[in-house]
Amino acid sequence: MLFFCLVDPIDEAWKRVEADWGNQDAHRRFVGVCVALDRLPDAGKRYRAVRETDPARREDAVTQIDGLIALAAQQLQDTRVIPAGHEHKRTLTWVAFFIMLVLMGAGILLLLRT
């Protein structure tokens, strides 16, 4: 019987961050993995844990958390749907009214010809 040990890519990326905390590329890769897997809150949890338990790395963790908040806000902004304005509705109403008039006129012409 074979047992597969599935490794969480976020755990692997976090190990690289922990091994080389000062390397900003490791942090970017970690956040990139979290974004790719749609698990940005996991990154926040890990950085919060560092902020709360490791005074030596607290400032770096706060900086990373601020970056995560900005990234999450940007993702929210990107998914926002802008409601249709009243100008578009008004234009559509006038176009529909004009088309209705043309069709009614064509119908009346057809009735008068016969």
Protein backbone atom coordinates (compact mmCIF):
# COMPACT_ATOMS: atom_id res chain seq x y z
CA MET A 1 0.00 0.00 0.00
CA LEU A 2 1.38 3.38 -1.03
CA PHE A 3 0.96 6.49 1.03
CA PHE A 4 1.41 9.83 -0.59
CA CYS A 5 2.53 12.73 1.48
CA LEU A 6 1.11 15.82 -0.13
CA VAL A 7 3.14 18.90 0.63
CA ASP A 8 1.34 22.19 0.85
CA PRO A 9 3.08 24.65 -1.49
CA ILE A 10 2.40 27.44 1.00
CA ASP A 11 4.25 25.51 3.71
CA GLU A 12 7.20 25.04 1.37
CA ALA A 13 7.31 28.70 0.41
CA TRP A 14 7.00 29.73 4.07
CA LYS A 15 9.95 27.50 4.98
CA ARG A 16 12.03 29.40 2.44
CA VAL A 17 10.92 32.70 3.97
CA GLU A 18 11.78 31.48 7.47
CA ALA A 19 15.19 30.23 6.28
CA ASP A 20 16.09 33.55 4.67
CA TRP A 21 13.90 36.19 6.34
CA GLY A 22 15.82 39.14 4.94
CA ASN A 23 15.41 38.00 1.33
CA GLN A 24 12.57 40.02 -0.21
CA ASP A 25 12.38 37.64 -3.17
CA ALA A 26 11.44 34.82 -0.78
CA HIS A 27 8.66 36.98 0.64
CA ARG A 28 7.41 37.87 -2.86
CA ARG A 29 7.42 34.23 -3.92
CA PHE A 30 5.54 33.24 -0.77
CA VAL A 31 2.88 35.90 -1.34
CA GLY A 32 2.74 34.94 -5.02
CA VAL A 33 2.04 31.31 -4.11
CA CYS A 34 -0.70 32.43 -1.72
CA VAL A 35 -2.27 34.64 -4.38
CA ALA A 36 -2.06 31.89 -7.01
CA LEU A 37 -3.80 29.45 -4.69
CA ASP A 38 -6.35 32.08 -3.60
CA ARG A 39 -5.18 31.72 0.00
CA LEU A 40 -4.00 35.23 0.83
CA PRO A 41 -5.45 35.01 4.37
CA ASP A 42 -2.97 32.20 5.11
CA ALA A 43 -0.12 34.61 4.42
CA GLY A 44 -1.66 37.13 6.79
CA LYS A 45 -1.95 34.53 9.55
CA ARG A 46 1.70 33.58 9.26
CA TYR A 47 2.96 37.15 9.26
CA ARG A 48 0.68 38.01 12.20
CA ALA A 49 2.10 35.09 14.15
CA VAL A 50 5.61 36.43 13.53
CA ARG A 51 4.53 39.94 14.48
CA GLU A 52 3.07 38.72 17.78
CA THR A 53 5.80 36.27 18.78
CA ASP A 54 9.11 37.57 17.42
CA PRO A 55 10.07 41.11 18.45
CA ALA A 56 13.22 41.03 16.29
CA ARG A 57 11.21 40.50 13.10
CA ARG A 58 8.10 42.46 14.13
CA GLU A 59 8.74 45.50 11.92
CA ASP A 60 9.37 43.35 8.85
CA ALA A 61 6.19 41.40 9.56
CA VAL A 62 4.20 44.63 9.91
CA THR A 63 5.56 45.81 6.55
CA GLN A 64 4.56 42.53 4.94
CA ILE A 65 1.08 42.70 6.49
CA ASP A 66 0.63 46.22 5.14
CA GLY A 67 1.58 44.92 1.69
CA LEU A 68 -0.92 42.08 2.01
CA ILE A 69 -3.67 44.51 2.96
CA ALA A 70 -2.88 46.66 -0.08
CA LEU A 71 -2.85 43.58 -2.31
CA ALA A 72 -6.18 42.35 -0.93
CA ALA A 73 -7.72 45.80 -1.43
CA GLN A 74 -6.48 45.82 -5.03
CA GLN A 75 -7.97 42.38 -5.64
CA LEU A 76 -11.28 43.60 -4.25
CA GLN A 77 -11.16 46.67 -6.47
CA ASP A 78 -10.46 44.48 -9.51
CA THR A 79 -13.55 42.36 -8.85
CA ARG A 80 -15.88 45.31 -8.25
CA VAL A 81 -18.73 45.65 -10.73
CA ILE A 82 -19.69 49.17 -11.64
CA PRO A 83 -23.46 49.54 -11.92
CA ALA A 84 -24.88 50.87 -15.15
CA GLY A 85 -25.39 54.59 -15.07
CA HIS A 86 -28.67 56.36 -15.75
CA GLU A 87 -27.28 57.82 -18.95
CA HIS A 88 -26.98 54.37 -20.50
CA LYS A 89 -30.52 53.48 -19.49
CA ARG A 90 -31.83 56.75 -20.93
CA THR A 91 -30.01 56.17 -24.24
CA LEU A 92 -31.30 52.62 -24.45
CA THR A 93 -34.85 53.84 -23.81
CA TRP A 94 -34.63 56.39 -26.64
CA VAL A 95 -33.18 53.83 -29.05
CA ALA A 96 -35.95 51.35 -28.21
CA PHE A 97 -38.58 54.07 -28.63
CA PHE A 98 -37.18 55.05 -32.04
CA ILE A 99 -37.11 51.42 -33.21
CA MET A 100 -40.71 51.00 -32.04
CA LEU A 101 -41.76 54.09 -34.04
CA VAL A 102 -40.03 52.80 -37.18
CA LEU A 103 -41.69 49.40 -36.85
CA MET A 104 -45.12 50.96 -36.24
CA GLY A 105 -44.63 53.23 -39.26
CA ALA A 106 -43.65 50.27 -41.42
CA GLY A 107 -46.71 48.36 -40.20
CA ILE A 108 -49.04 51.27 -40.98
CA LEU A 109 -47.51 51.62 -44.47
CA LEU A 110 -48.09 47.93 -45.13
CA LEU A 111 -51.72 48.21 -44.01
CA LEU A 112 -52.36 51.28 -46.19
CA ARG A 113 -50.85 49.66 -49.33
CA THR A 114 -53.26 46.74 -49.29
